[in-house]
Amino acid sequence: MSSVMVTIIYAFCGGIFGASIGALWAFILCTIIAVMGALVVLAGGSDFILMQVALGPIFGPASGGFLSGVIAATYSHGVKKNHPTNSAKDIVTPLMGTSWDVLFVGGLTAVVSFYFAMLLSKIPYIQLGDTGAISIVILSLLARILFLKESAFGSRESIQKHGIFGTNNYELSWCGYMTPKPLLMMIGISMGGVSAAIASGTLSVLRPLVETGQINASLAWTVPLFFTWGISGIMLTMMALGQGVIGRVPVTHAISLVGALMFLHTEPYVGADTAILFGILGGIMGMAVQEFGARVFWNHGGNHIDPPAFSIAVNTLFINILFSFII
């Protein structure tokens, strides 16, 4: 069997499973696998769990580890009218009790998204961004247009009534409990700094492994970039299980990734201690773009357009292109 066919099978099967358990639970599982895979690499082991499962076709966020559940939920609500909670914005509820074609859409989504991300990686400048995150945003918007018959920005009536950036006193907000600007600033500073610090620590372990040939040099970038992203994703278990105020957990995986990215770009030139300050700046950027994406694409829409994925897509494009010219 060809490697292409094997990859299609991997993605399709992972996509079905991701849709069956729901997008948020799939993402939590993806991030657990990512942290496990990163720990294996830090111990000098294989990168298969990290690169092929958690960040690849088997169960990456752009395939079964998140997006398949988002698109399947949109199809279930908009086309089949059998979503368990009658809301395409609900990415927590498993879709196992819907119909076979809803799960099939999840599998198909994973395959399409994986190869769409590969296509994006061939486009100049676009290839510098996180093409998986870009794929998540674009395909989620297409699903809104095709399955819900809404505009990319959502309900025109809601936009006219409240304004594109309006929240109706946070009632429309994605994660309204963390929407007030002072809270956003605090969590951006916090997770940017934490992520940069952890990236610094993991780098100190990985560089000797690269020098001795135990691991590929690219992993000394990937592991620090995604390690705190994975920890932040696991934190969402509290959101998925929590009721009321107990579930008010900050959503920080985009903030963590952008903070780590800024640290990694600047550390070779300014040193680890100063680069942590750039990590904090990255955390603030991740937070700000995440909230912008929520207000423009989530608040007025009928399905889930992931604000963290939007933040990762925009920030990785901007930061990587910027540093490609500076350095």
Protein backbone atom coordinates (compact mmCIF):
# COMPACT_ATOMS: atom_id res chain seq x y z
CA MET A 1 0.00 0.00 0.00
CA SER A 2 1.34 3.44 -0.92
CA SER A 3 2.33 5.94 1.75
CA VAL A 4 -0.36 8.33 0.49
CA MET A 5 -3.08 5.73 1.00
CA VAL A 6 -1.75 4.90 4.46
CA THR A 7 -1.86 8.59 5.39
CA ILE A 8 -5.44 8.88 4.12
CA ILE A 9 -6.48 5.89 6.20
CA TYR A 10 -4.73 7.30 9.27
CA ALA A 11 -6.45 10.66 8.92
CA PHE A 12 -9.88 9.25 8.05
CA CYS A 13 -9.95 6.89 11.01
CA GLY A 14 -8.69 9.57 13.39
CA GLY A 15 -11.29 12.00 12.05
CA ILE A 16 -14.17 9.60 12.66
CA PHE A 17 -13.00 8.99 16.21
CA GLY A 18 -12.48 12.70 16.87
CA ALA A 19 -16.01 13.51 15.70
CA SER A 20 -17.48 10.69 17.76
CA ILE A 21 -16.09 12.06 21.04
CA GLY A 22 -16.57 15.75 20.21
CA ALA A 23 -14.07 18.42 19.18
CA LEU A 24 -13.06 19.63 22.64
CA TRP A 25 -12.49 16.14 24.04
CA ALA A 26 -10.57 15.24 20.89
CA PHE A 27 -8.35 18.28 21.36
CA ILE A 28 -7.74 17.47 25.01
CA LEU A 29 -6.72 13.94 24.01
CA CYS A 30 -4.50 15.39 21.25
CA THR A 31 -2.69 17.61 23.74
CA ILE A 32 -2.22 14.77 26.22
CA ILE A 33 -0.60 12.76 23.42
CA ALA A 34 1.51 15.81 22.47
CA VAL A 35 2.91 16.18 25.98
CA MET A 36 3.60 12.44 26.13
CA GLY A 37 5.36 12.63 22.76
CA ALA A 38 7.41 15.63 23.84
CA LEU A 39 8.53 13.79 26.98
CA VAL A 40 9.62 10.84 24.85
CA VAL A 41 11.74 13.17 22.70
CA LEU A 42 13.17 14.88 25.79
CA ALA A 43 14.30 11.43 26.92
CA GLY A 44 16.08 10.94 23.58
CA GLY A 45 13.39 8.70 22.09
CA SER A 46 11.39 8.56 18.86
CA ASP A 47 9.37 11.52 17.60
CA PHE A 48 6.56 9.33 16.20
CA ILE A 49 4.04 10.03 18.97
CA LEU A 50 4.62 13.78 18.77
CA MET A 51 5.00 14.34 15.04
CA GLN A 52 2.80 11.63 13.48
CA VAL A 53 0.07 11.27 16.09
CA ALA A 54 -0.33 14.51 18.06
CA LEU A 55 0.79 16.94 15.34
CA GLY A 56 0.34 14.78 12.25
CA PRO A 57 -2.33 12.99 10.23
CA ILE A 58 -3.35 10.46 12.86
CA PHE A 59 -4.76 12.83 15.49
CA GLY A 60 -3.41 16.35 14.96
CA PRO A 61 -5.64 19.39 15.66
CA ALA A 62 -6.15 19.98 11.94
CA SER A 63 -7.40 16.42 11.51
CA GLY A 64 -9.03 14.13 14.08
CA GLY A 65 -7.69 15.95 17.11
CA PHE A 66 -10.10 18.90 16.81
CA LEU A 67 -11.29 20.07 13.39
CA SER A 68 -13.17 16.89 12.49
CA GLY A 69 -15.44 17.41 15.49
CA VAL A 70 -16.04 21.08 14.63
CA ILE A 71 -17.05 20.40 11.02
CA ALA A 72 -19.08 17.32 11.96
CA ALA A 73 -21.00 19.35 14.57
CA THR A 74 -21.74 22.04 11.97
CA TYR A 75 -22.97 19.43 9.49
CA SER A 76 -25.00 17.66 12.17
CA HIS A 77 -26.81 20.84 13.16
CA GLY A 78 -27.10 22.56 9.80
CA VAL A 79 -27.82 19.64 7.46
CA LYS A 80 -28.95 16.59 9.43
CA LYS A 81 -30.73 18.51 12.22
CA ASN A 82 -29.64 15.85 14.69
CA HIS A 83 -27.08 17.58 16.87
CA PRO A 84 -27.63 16.41 20.47
CA THR A 85 -27.92 19.97 21.82
CA ASN A 86 -29.13 21.69 18.62
CA SER A 87 -26.11 23.98 18.57
CA ALA A 88 -23.20 23.83 16.14
CA LYS A 89 -21.27 25.95 18.63
CA ASP A 90 -21.33 23.06 21.07
CA ILE A 91 -17.95 21.37 20.62
CA VAL A 92 -18.08 19.49 23.93
CA THR A 93 -20.93 17.04 23.35
CA PRO A 94 -19.89 13.78 21.64
CA LEU A 95 -21.54 13.10 18.28
CA MET A 96 -21.66 9.32 18.62
CA GLY A 97 -25.44 9.39 18.98
CA THR A 98 -26.12 11.26 15.73
CA SER A 99 -25.78 9.33 12.45
CA TRP A 100 -23.13 7.50 10.44
CA ASP A 101 -22.79 10.30 7.90
CA VAL A 102 -21.97 12.85 10.61
CA LEU A 103 -19.02 10.69 11.64
CA PHE A 104 -18.13 10.17 7.97
CA VAL A 105 -17.96 13.95 7.54
CA GLY A 106 -15.54 14.00 10.47
CA GLY A 107 -13.32 11.45 8.76
CA LEU A 108 -13.49 13.23 5.42
CA THR A 109 -12.69 16.55 7.09
CA ALA A 110 -9.50 15.13 8.59
CA VAL A 111 -8.28 13.92 5.20
CA VAL A 112 -9.15 17.14 3.37
CA SER A 113 -7.65 19.33 6.07
CA PHE A 114 -4.39 17.40 6.26
CA TYR A 115 -3.79 17.71 2.53
CA PHE A 116 -5.06 21.28 2.43
CA ALA A 117 -2.47 22.18 5.07
CA MET A 118 0.17 20.47 2.94
CA LEU A 119 -0.96 22.54 -0.05
CA LEU A 120 -0.72 25.72 2.01
CA SER A 121 2.83 24.76 2.94
CA LYS A 122 3.78 25.08 -0.75
CA ILE A 123 2.64 28.71 -1.01
CA PRO A 124 5.36 31.34 -0.48
CA TYR A 125 5.02 33.25 2.82
CA ILE A 126 1.86 31.32 3.76
CA GLN A 127 4.18 28.35 4.36
CA LEU A 128 5.84 30.32 7.16
CA GLY A 129 2.68 30.22 9.25
CA ASP A 130 1.12 27.31 11.09
CA THR A 131 -0.67 25.81 8.09
CA GLY A 132 -2.67 23.47 10.31
CA ALA A 133 -4.18 26.42 12.18
CA ILE A 134 -4.82 28.24 8.90
CA SER A 135 -6.61 25.15 7.59
CA ILE A 136 -8.75 24.97 10.74
CA VAL A 137 -9.93 28.56 10.33
CA ILE A 138 -10.59 28.40 6.58
CA LEU A 139 -12.43 25.07 6.61
CA SER A 140 -14.54 26.06 9.64
CA LEU A 141 -15.60 29.22 7.82
CA LEU A 142 -16.44 27.21 4.69
CA ALA A 143 -18.54 24.84 6.80
CA ARG A 144 -20.45 27.82 8.21
CA ILE A 145 -21.17 29.10 4.71
CA LEU A 146 -22.07 25.70 3.21
CA PHE A 147 -23.93 24.00 6.06
CA LEU A 148 -25.48 26.93 7.95
CA LYS A 149 -25.94 29.34 5.01
CA GLU A 150 -24.42 32.16 7.07
CA SER A 151 -21.85 34.72 6.07
CA ALA A 152 -18.29 34.22 7.24
CA PHE A 153 -18.93 36.74 10.03
CA GLY A 154 -22.17 35.12 11.16
CA SER A 155 -25.65 36.55 11.59
CA ARG A 156 -26.18 39.86 9.83
CA GLU A 157 -28.98 40.69 12.27
CA SER A 158 -26.71 40.22 15.28
CA ILE A 159 -23.95 42.30 13.71
CA GLN A 160 -26.38 45.11 12.85
CA LYS A 161 -27.84 45.07 16.36
CA HIS A 162 -24.66 44.81 18.43
CA GLY A 163 -21.85 45.81 16.05
CA ILE A 164 -19.15 43.50 14.73
CA PHE A 165 -17.07 43.93 17.91
CA GLY A 166 -20.06 44.08 20.25
CA THR A 167 -20.55 41.53 23.02
CA ASN A 168 -23.92 42.65 24.47
CA ASN A 169 -22.30 42.95 27.89
CA TYR A 170 -20.38 39.69 27.26
CA GLU A 171 -23.56 37.67 26.62
CA LEU A 172 -22.41 36.97 23.05
CA SER A 173 -18.80 36.42 24.02
CA TRP A 174 -16.74 33.33 23.56
CA CYS A 175 -15.56 32.63 27.13
CA GLY A 176 -17.15 35.84 28.40
CA TYR A 177 -15.66 35.32 31.86
CA MET A 178 -12.19 36.07 30.45
CA THR A 179 -13.23 38.82 28.02
CA PRO A 180 -12.70 41.94 30.23
CA LYS A 181 -9.49 43.58 29.01
CA PRO A 182 -7.63 43.65 32.37
CA LEU A 183 -8.16 39.90 32.75
CA LEU A 184 -7.01 39.28 29.18
CA MET A 185 -3.86 41.31 29.79
CA MET A 186 -3.05 39.43 33.00
CA ILE A 187 -3.43 35.99 31.44
CA GLY A 188 -1.47 37.05 28.35
CA ILE A 189 1.45 38.23 30.48
CA SER A 190 1.27 35.15 32.69
CA MET A 191 1.16 32.43 30.06
CA GLY A 192 3.59 34.20 27.75
CA GLY A 193 6.16 34.23 30.54
CA VAL A 194 5.45 30.68 31.72
CA SER A 195 5.64 29.31 28.19
CA ALA A 196 8.91 31.12 27.49
CA ALA A 197 10.41 29.82 30.74
CA ILE A 198 9.44 26.23 29.93
CA ALA A 199 10.75 26.63 26.39
CA SER A 200 14.06 27.76 27.87
CA GLY A 201 14.22 24.71 30.10
CA THR A 202 13.39 22.23 27.37
CA LEU A 203 15.98 23.81 25.07
CA SER A 204 18.67 23.16 27.65
CA VAL A 205 17.78 19.46 27.54
CA LEU A 206 17.36 19.17 23.78
CA ARG A 207 20.49 20.92 22.52
CA PRO A 208 22.89 18.27 23.90
CA LEU A 209 20.68 15.57 22.33
CA VAL A 210 20.98 17.32 18.96
CA GLU A 211 24.75 17.63 19.31
CA THR A 212 25.12 13.90 20.00
CA GLY A 213 22.78 12.99 17.14
CA GLN A 214 20.12 11.39 19.34
CA ILE A 215 17.34 13.57 17.93
CA ASN A 216 16.71 15.60 14.78
CA ALA A 217 17.68 19.26 15.06
CA SER A 218 14.16 20.40 14.11
CA LEU A 219 12.82 18.88 17.33
CA ALA A 220 14.79 21.43 19.35
CA TRP A 221 12.31 23.94 17.87
CA THR A 222 9.12 21.86 17.82
CA VAL A 223 9.21 20.50 21.37
CA PRO A 224 9.70 23.89 23.12
CA LEU A 225 7.10 25.44 20.82
CA PHE A 226 4.37 22.91 21.59
CA PHE A 227 5.15 21.72 25.12
CA THR A 228 3.25 24.41 27.04
CA TRP A 229 0.64 24.47 24.27
CA GLY A 230 -0.03 20.86 25.21
CA ILE A 231 -0.19 21.61 28.93
CA SER A 232 -2.63 24.46 28.24
CA GLY A 233 -4.80 22.10 26.20
CA ILE A 234 -4.93 19.55 29.01
CA MET A 235 -6.17 22.33 31.32
CA LEU A 236 -9.35 22.47 29.22
CA THR A 237 -10.44 19.25 30.92
CA MET A 238 -11.63 21.50 33.75
CA MET A 239 -13.76 23.44 31.27
CA ALA A 240 -15.24 20.30 29.73
CA LEU A 241 -16.12 18.77 33.11
CA GLY A 242 -16.84 21.91 35.12
CA GLN A 243 -20.30 23.27 35.82
CA GLY A 244 -20.91 27.01 36.17
CA VAL A 245 -18.04 28.95 37.70
CA ILE A 246 -16.01 25.76 38.16
CA GLY A 247 -15.53 25.55 34.39
CA ARG A 248 -14.23 29.12 34.02
CA VAL A 249 -10.74 28.11 32.97
CA PRO A 250 -8.60 30.47 30.88
CA VAL A 251 -8.08 29.21 27.33
CA THR A 252 -4.36 29.68 26.90
CA HIS A 253 -2.93 27.28 24.31
CA ALA A 254 -2.61 29.96 21.62
CA ILE A 255 -1.12 32.38 24.14
CA SER A 256 1.38 29.71 25.18
CA LEU A 257 2.40 28.87 21.64
CA VAL A 258 2.89 32.48 20.55
CA GLY A 259 4.88 33.22 23.70
CA ALA A 260 7.15 30.24 23.04
CA LEU A 261 7.52 31.28 19.40
CA MET A 262 8.72 34.76 20.33
CA PHE A 263 11.16 33.26 22.82
CA LEU A 264 12.59 30.83 20.27
CA HIS A 265 13.10 33.55 17.68
CA THR A 266 14.87 35.94 20.04
CA GLU A 267 16.81 33.64 22.42
CA PRO A 268 19.80 33.06 20.12
CA TYR A 269 20.38 36.83 19.83
CA VAL A 270 19.50 38.29 23.23
CA GLY A 271 19.95 35.32 25.55
CA ALA A 272 17.38 33.29 27.44
CA ASP A 273 16.74 35.79 30.25
CA THR A 274 15.90 38.70 27.97
CA ALA A 275 14.04 36.46 25.53
CA ILE A 276 11.54 35.65 28.28
CA LEU A 277 10.43 39.29 28.05
CA PHE A 278 9.78 38.74 24.35
CA GLY A 279 7.85 35.65 25.35
CA ILE A 280 5.63 37.83 27.52
CA LEU A 281 5.12 40.16 24.55
CA GLY A 282 4.17 37.12 22.48
CA GLY A 283 1.66 36.08 25.13
CA ILE A 284 0.00 39.49 24.95
CA MET A 285 -0.10 39.26 21.15
CA GLY A 286 -1.60 35.78 21.32
CA MET A 287 -4.26 36.96 23.74
CA ALA A 288 -5.14 40.09 21.75
CA VAL A 289 -5.52 38.35 18.39
CA GLN A 290 -7.47 35.53 20.02
CA GLU A 291 -10.02 38.00 21.38
CA PHE A 292 -10.17 39.83 18.04
CA GLY A 293 -10.92 36.54 16.28
CA ALA A 294 -13.61 35.71 18.82
CA ARG A 295 -15.38 39.03 18.32
CA VAL A 296 -15.22 38.99 14.53
CA PHE A 297 -15.84 35.32 13.74
CA TRP A 298 -17.31 33.58 16.81
CA ASN A 299 -19.67 35.91 18.66
CA HIS A 300 -22.24 36.41 15.90
CA GLY A 301 -21.88 33.04 14.17
CA GLY A 302 -23.80 29.80 14.35
CA ASN A 303 -20.84 27.43 14.55
CA HIS A 304 -17.45 27.34 16.21
CA ILE A 305 -14.68 29.31 14.51
CA ASP A 306 -11.83 28.65 16.90
CA PRO A 307 -10.34 31.89 18.32
CA PRO A 308 -7.12 30.18 19.48
CA ALA A 309 -6.59 28.67 16.02
CA PHE A 310 -7.18 32.12 14.51
CA SER A 311 -4.60 33.61 16.87
CA ILE A 312 -2.05 30.92 16.08
CA ALA A 313 -2.63 31.30 12.33
CA VAL A 314 -2.29 35.09 12.33
CA ASN A 315 0.56 35.35 14.82
CA THR A 316 2.72 32.59 13.36
CA LEU A 317 2.34 34.16 9.93
CA PHE A 318 3.18 37.64 11.17
CA ILE A 319 6.04 36.69 13.51
CA ASN A 320 7.73 34.19 11.21
CA ILE A 321 7.52 36.52 8.19
CA LEU A 322 8.82 39.40 10.31
CA PHE A 323 11.83 37.46 11.56
CA SER A 324 12.53 36.11 8.07
CA PHE A 325 13.26 39.71 7.05
CA ILE A 326 14.95 40.86 10.26
CA ILE A 327 17.36 37.97 10.68
